Amino acid sequence: MSLIDQYLRRSQEIIGSRTRAEERYDHEVTTWLNKGVTIRKAIKKANQKYPGEALKVDDTNVDEVAAHYEYLRQHMEIMRKINSKQDKA
């Protein structure tokens, strides 16, 4: 199994399966994080756009939520690079 396949398998275990609505919400959060806003502001913006998927973030879970979205943000960047290299091949 290649290193990329191992990474993909492990990332799927961490992220899990998501509905299309969850993917859109996550994309919205990571878009705001990429713009440099805080996790609380990114969640607030995503909650406004996708109220059906809204997360409640408070002092008891903000660090866990931030870690999840930082992982997801990095994962999306890795996937963009992998797909870019495959498109060039």
N, C-alpha and C. Protein backbone atom coordinates (compact mmCIF):
# COMPACT_ATOMS: atom_id res chain seq x y z
N MET A 1 0.84 -1.17 0.00
CA MET A 1 0.00 0.00 0.00
C MET A 1 0.90 1.24 0.00
N SER A 2 0.60 2.18 -0.88
CA SER A 2 1.42 3.38 -0.99
C SER A 2 1.20 4.31 0.21
N LEU A 3 2.10 5.23 0.38
CA LEU A 3 1.99 6.21 1.46
C LEU A 3 0.72 7.04 1.32
N ILE A 4 0.39 7.39 0.10
CA ILE A 4 -0.83 8.17 -0.14
C ILE A 4 -2.06 7.35 0.24
N ASP A 5 -2.09 6.09 -0.13
CA ASP A 5 -3.22 5.23 0.24
C ASP A 5 -3.34 5.10 1.75
N GLN A 6 -2.21 4.98 2.43
CA GLN A 6 -2.23 4.90 3.89
C GLN A 6 -2.78 6.19 4.49
N TYR A 7 -2.33 7.31 3.96
CA TYR A 7 -2.83 8.60 4.44
C TYR A 7 -4.33 8.72 4.22
N LEU A 8 -4.79 8.36 3.03
CA LEU A 8 -6.21 8.47 2.72
C LEU A 8 -7.06 7.60 3.64
N ARG A 9 -6.59 6.41 3.89
CA ARG A 9 -7.32 5.50 4.78
C ARG A 9 -7.41 6.09 6.20
N ARG A 10 -6.28 6.58 6.70
CA ARG A 10 -6.25 7.13 8.05
C ARG A 10 -7.08 8.41 8.15
N SER A 11 -7.01 9.24 7.15
CA SER A 11 -7.79 10.48 7.19
C SER A 11 -9.29 10.18 7.16
N GLN A 12 -9.68 9.17 6.42
CA GLN A 12 -11.10 8.78 6.40
C GLN A 12 -11.55 8.30 7.78
N GLU A 13 -10.68 7.59 8.48
CA GLU A 13 -11.01 7.15 9.84
C GLU A 13 -11.20 8.34 10.77
N ILE A 14 -10.36 9.35 10.62
CA ILE A 14 -10.43 10.53 11.48
C ILE A 14 -11.63 11.40 11.13
N ILE A 15 -11.82 11.67 9.85
CA ILE A 15 -12.90 12.57 9.43
C ILE A 15 -14.24 11.87 9.44
N GLY A 16 -14.27 10.62 9.04
CA GLY A 16 -15.52 9.88 8.98
C GLY A 16 -16.35 10.25 7.76
N SER A 17 -17.49 9.61 7.63
CA SER A 17 -18.35 9.94 6.50
C SER A 17 -19.20 11.14 6.88
N ARG A 18 -19.42 11.99 5.90
CA ARG A 18 -20.19 13.22 6.12
C ARG A 18 -21.21 13.37 5.02
N THR A 19 -22.32 13.98 5.37
CA THR A 19 -23.33 14.27 4.37
C THR A 19 -22.84 15.44 3.51
N ARG A 20 -23.49 15.65 2.40
CA ARG A 20 -23.14 16.78 1.53
C ARG A 20 -23.29 18.10 2.30
N ALA A 21 -24.33 18.20 3.12
CA ALA A 21 -24.55 19.42 3.91
C ALA A 21 -23.42 19.62 4.92
N GLU A 22 -22.96 18.55 5.53
CA GLU A 22 -21.83 18.65 6.46
C GLU A 22 -20.56 19.07 5.74
N GLU A 23 -20.35 18.54 4.54
CA GLU A 23 -19.18 18.93 3.76
C GLU A 23 -19.22 20.41 3.40
N ARG A 24 -20.40 20.91 3.03
CA ARG A 24 -20.52 22.34 2.71
C ARG A 24 -20.24 23.20 3.94
N TYR A 25 -20.77 22.78 5.09
CA TYR A 25 -20.54 23.51 6.33
C TYR A 25 -19.04 23.50 6.67
N ASP A 26 -18.42 22.34 6.61
CA ASP A 26 -16.99 22.24 6.90
C ASP A 26 -16.17 23.10 5.95
N HIS A 27 -16.55 23.11 4.68
CA HIS A 27 -15.85 23.93 3.70
C HIS A 27 -15.97 25.42 4.06
N GLU A 28 -17.14 25.80 4.51
CA GLU A 28 -17.35 27.20 4.91
C GLU A 28 -16.45 27.56 6.09
N VAL A 29 -16.39 26.69 7.08
CA VAL A 29 -15.53 26.95 8.24
C VAL A 29 -14.08 27.06 7.80
N THR A 30 -13.61 26.11 7.01
CA THR A 30 -12.20 26.13 6.61
C THR A 30 -11.88 27.31 5.70
N THR A 31 -12.84 27.75 4.90
CA THR A 31 -12.63 28.94 4.07
C THR A 31 -12.36 30.15 4.95
N TRP A 32 -13.16 30.31 6.00
CA TRP A 32 -12.95 31.43 6.92
C TRP A 32 -11.64 31.28 7.67
N LEU A 33 -11.29 30.08 8.08
CA LEU A 33 -10.01 29.88 8.77
C LEU A 33 -8.85 30.24 7.86
N ASN A 34 -8.96 29.90 6.60
CA ASN A 34 -7.90 30.23 5.63
C ASN A 34 -7.76 31.75 5.45
N LYS A 35 -8.82 32.48 5.77
CA LYS A 35 -8.77 33.94 5.69
C LYS A 35 -8.17 34.54 6.96
N GLY A 36 -7.89 33.69 7.94
CA GLY A 36 -7.23 34.16 9.15
C GLY A 36 -8.14 34.52 10.31
N VAL A 37 -9.42 34.21 10.21
CA VAL A 37 -10.31 34.51 11.33
C VAL A 37 -10.20 33.44 12.40
N THR A 38 -10.69 33.74 13.58
CA THR A 38 -10.66 32.77 14.68
C THR A 38 -11.66 31.66 14.44
N ILE A 39 -11.49 30.57 15.16
CA ILE A 39 -12.42 29.45 15.03
C ILE A 39 -13.83 29.87 15.43
N ARG A 40 -13.95 30.67 16.46
CA ARG A 40 -15.28 31.11 16.89
C ARG A 40 -15.98 31.93 15.79
N LYS A 41 -15.24 32.82 15.15
CA LYS A 41 -15.83 33.63 14.09
C LYS A 41 -16.14 32.77 12.86
N ALA A 42 -15.25 31.83 12.54
CA ALA A 42 -15.50 30.94 11.40
C ALA A 42 -16.76 30.11 11.62
N ILE A 43 -16.93 29.60 12.83
CA ILE A 43 -18.13 28.81 13.17
C ILE A 43 -19.36 29.71 13.10
N LYS A 44 -19.26 30.92 13.63
CA LYS A 44 -20.40 31.84 13.59
C LYS A 44 -20.83 32.12 12.15
N LYS A 45 -19.86 32.36 11.27
CA LYS A 45 -20.16 32.61 9.86
C LYS A 45 -20.81 31.38 9.21
N ALA A 46 -20.26 30.21 9.47
CA ALA A 46 -20.82 28.97 8.90
C ALA A 46 -22.22 28.71 9.46
N ASN A 47 -22.43 28.98 10.74
CA ASN A 47 -23.75 28.80 11.36
C ASN A 47 -24.79 29.70 10.71
N GLN A 48 -24.38 30.91 10.36
CA GLN A 48 -25.31 31.84 9.69
C GLN A 48 -25.67 31.34 8.30
N LYS A 49 -24.70 30.80 7.60
CA LYS A 49 -24.94 30.34 6.22
C LYS A 49 -25.65 28.99 6.19
N TYR A 50 -25.32 28.12 7.14
CA TYR A 50 -25.89 26.77 7.18
C TYR A 50 -26.47 26.49 8.57
N PRO A 51 -27.60 27.12 8.90
CA PRO A 51 -28.16 26.95 10.25
C PRO A 51 -28.56 25.51 10.58
N GLY A 52 -28.87 24.73 9.58
CA GLY A 52 -29.23 23.33 9.82
C GLY A 52 -28.06 22.48 10.29
N GLU A 53 -26.86 22.94 10.05
CA GLU A 53 -25.65 22.21 10.45
C GLU A 53 -24.92 22.91 11.60
N ALA A 54 -25.53 23.94 12.16
CA ALA A 54 -24.86 24.80 13.14
C ALA A 54 -24.27 24.03 14.31
N LEU A 55 -23.03 24.42 14.63
CA LEU A 55 -22.35 23.88 15.81
C LEU A 55 -22.47 24.87 16.95
N LYS A 56 -22.50 24.35 18.16
CA LYS A 56 -22.47 25.20 19.34
C LYS A 56 -21.08 25.07 19.94
N VAL A 57 -20.37 26.18 19.95
CA VAL A 57 -19.01 26.20 20.47
C VAL A 57 -18.99 27.06 21.72
N ASP A 58 -18.40 26.50 22.77
CA ASP A 58 -18.22 27.26 24.01
C ASP A 58 -16.85 26.94 24.58
N ASP A 59 -16.58 27.45 25.76
CA ASP A 59 -15.26 27.27 26.35
C ASP A 59 -14.92 25.80 26.62
N THR A 60 -15.93 24.95 26.74
CA THR A 60 -15.66 23.55 27.05
C THR A 60 -15.25 22.73 25.83
N ASN A 61 -15.58 23.21 24.62
CA ASN A 61 -15.28 22.41 23.43
C ASN A 61 -14.52 23.16 22.33
N VAL A 62 -14.23 24.43 22.55
CA VAL A 62 -13.62 25.23 21.48
C VAL A 62 -12.26 24.69 21.05
N ASP A 63 -11.46 24.19 21.98
CA ASP A 63 -10.15 23.65 21.60
C ASP A 63 -10.28 22.39 20.75
N GLU A 64 -11.22 21.53 21.11
CA GLU A 64 -11.45 20.30 20.34
C GLU A 64 -11.97 20.63 18.94
N VAL A 65 -12.89 21.57 18.85
CA VAL A 65 -13.43 21.99 17.56
C VAL A 65 -12.33 22.63 16.71
N ALA A 66 -11.51 23.47 17.33
CA ALA A 66 -10.42 24.12 16.60
C ALA A 66 -9.43 23.09 16.07
N ALA A 67 -9.11 22.09 16.87
CA ALA A 67 -8.18 21.04 16.44
C ALA A 67 -8.76 20.26 15.26
N HIS A 68 -10.03 19.94 15.33
CA HIS A 68 -10.69 19.20 14.25
C HIS A 68 -10.62 20.00 12.94
N TYR A 69 -10.96 21.27 13.01
CA TYR A 69 -10.98 22.07 11.79
C TYR A 69 -9.58 22.41 11.29
N GLU A 70 -8.61 22.47 12.17
CA GLU A 70 -7.24 22.66 11.71
C GLU A 70 -6.78 21.41 10.96
N TYR A 71 -7.11 20.23 11.49
CA TYR A 71 -6.78 18.99 10.79
C TYR A 71 -7.48 18.97 9.43
N LEU A 72 -8.76 19.30 9.41
CA LEU A 72 -9.53 19.27 8.17
C LEU A 72 -8.97 20.28 7.16
N ARG A 73 -8.59 21.45 7.63
CA ARG A 73 -8.01 22.47 6.75
C ARG A 73 -6.72 21.95 6.11
N GLN A 74 -5.87 21.34 6.91
CA GLN A 74 -4.63 20.78 6.39
C GLN A 74 -4.90 19.62 5.44
N HIS A 75 -5.86 18.80 5.78
CA HIS A 75 -6.24 17.67 4.92
C HIS A 75 -6.70 18.17 3.55
N MET A 76 -7.51 19.20 3.54
CA MET A 76 -8.00 19.73 2.27
C MET A 76 -6.85 20.26 1.42
N GLU A 77 -5.87 20.85 2.04
CA GLU A 77 -4.70 21.35 1.31
C GLU A 77 -3.88 20.18 0.76
N ILE A 78 -3.70 19.14 1.54
CA ILE A 78 -2.98 17.95 1.07
C ILE A 78 -3.72 17.33 -0.11
N MET A 79 -5.03 17.21 -0.01
CA MET A 79 -5.81 16.63 -1.10
C MET A 79 -5.72 17.49 -2.37
N ARG A 80 -5.71 18.80 -2.21
CA ARG A 80 -5.57 19.69 -3.36
C ARG A 80 -4.23 19.42 -4.05
N LYS A 81 -3.17 19.26 -3.27
CA LYS A 81 -1.85 19.00 -3.85
C LYS A 81 -1.78 17.63 -4.51
N ILE A 82 -2.36 16.63 -3.88
CA ILE A 82 -2.38 15.28 -4.47
C ILE A 82 -3.12 15.31 -5.79
N ASN A 83 -4.29 15.93 -5.80
CA ASN A 83 -5.09 15.99 -7.03
C ASN A 83 -4.40 16.79 -8.11
N SER A 84 -3.71 17.83 -7.72
CA SER A 84 -2.96 18.64 -8.69
C SER A 84 -1.85 17.83 -9.35
N LYS A 85 -1.13 17.05 -8.56
CA LYS A 85 -0.06 16.21 -9.11
C LYS A 85 -0.63 15.12 -10.01
N GLN A 86 -1.78 14.55 -9.64
CA GLN A 86 -2.38 13.51 -10.47
C GLN A 86 -2.89 14.08 -11.79
N ASP A 87 -3.39 15.31 -11.76
CA ASP A 87 -3.87 15.96 -12.99
C ASP A 87 -2.73 16.21 -13.96
N LYS A 88 -1.52 16.47 -13.42
CA LYS A 88 -0.36 16.74 -14.26
C LYS A 88 0.26 15.47 -14.83
N ALA A 89 -0.03 14.35 -14.19
CA ALA A 89 0.59 13.07 -14.62
C ALA A 89 -0.04 12.53 -15.87
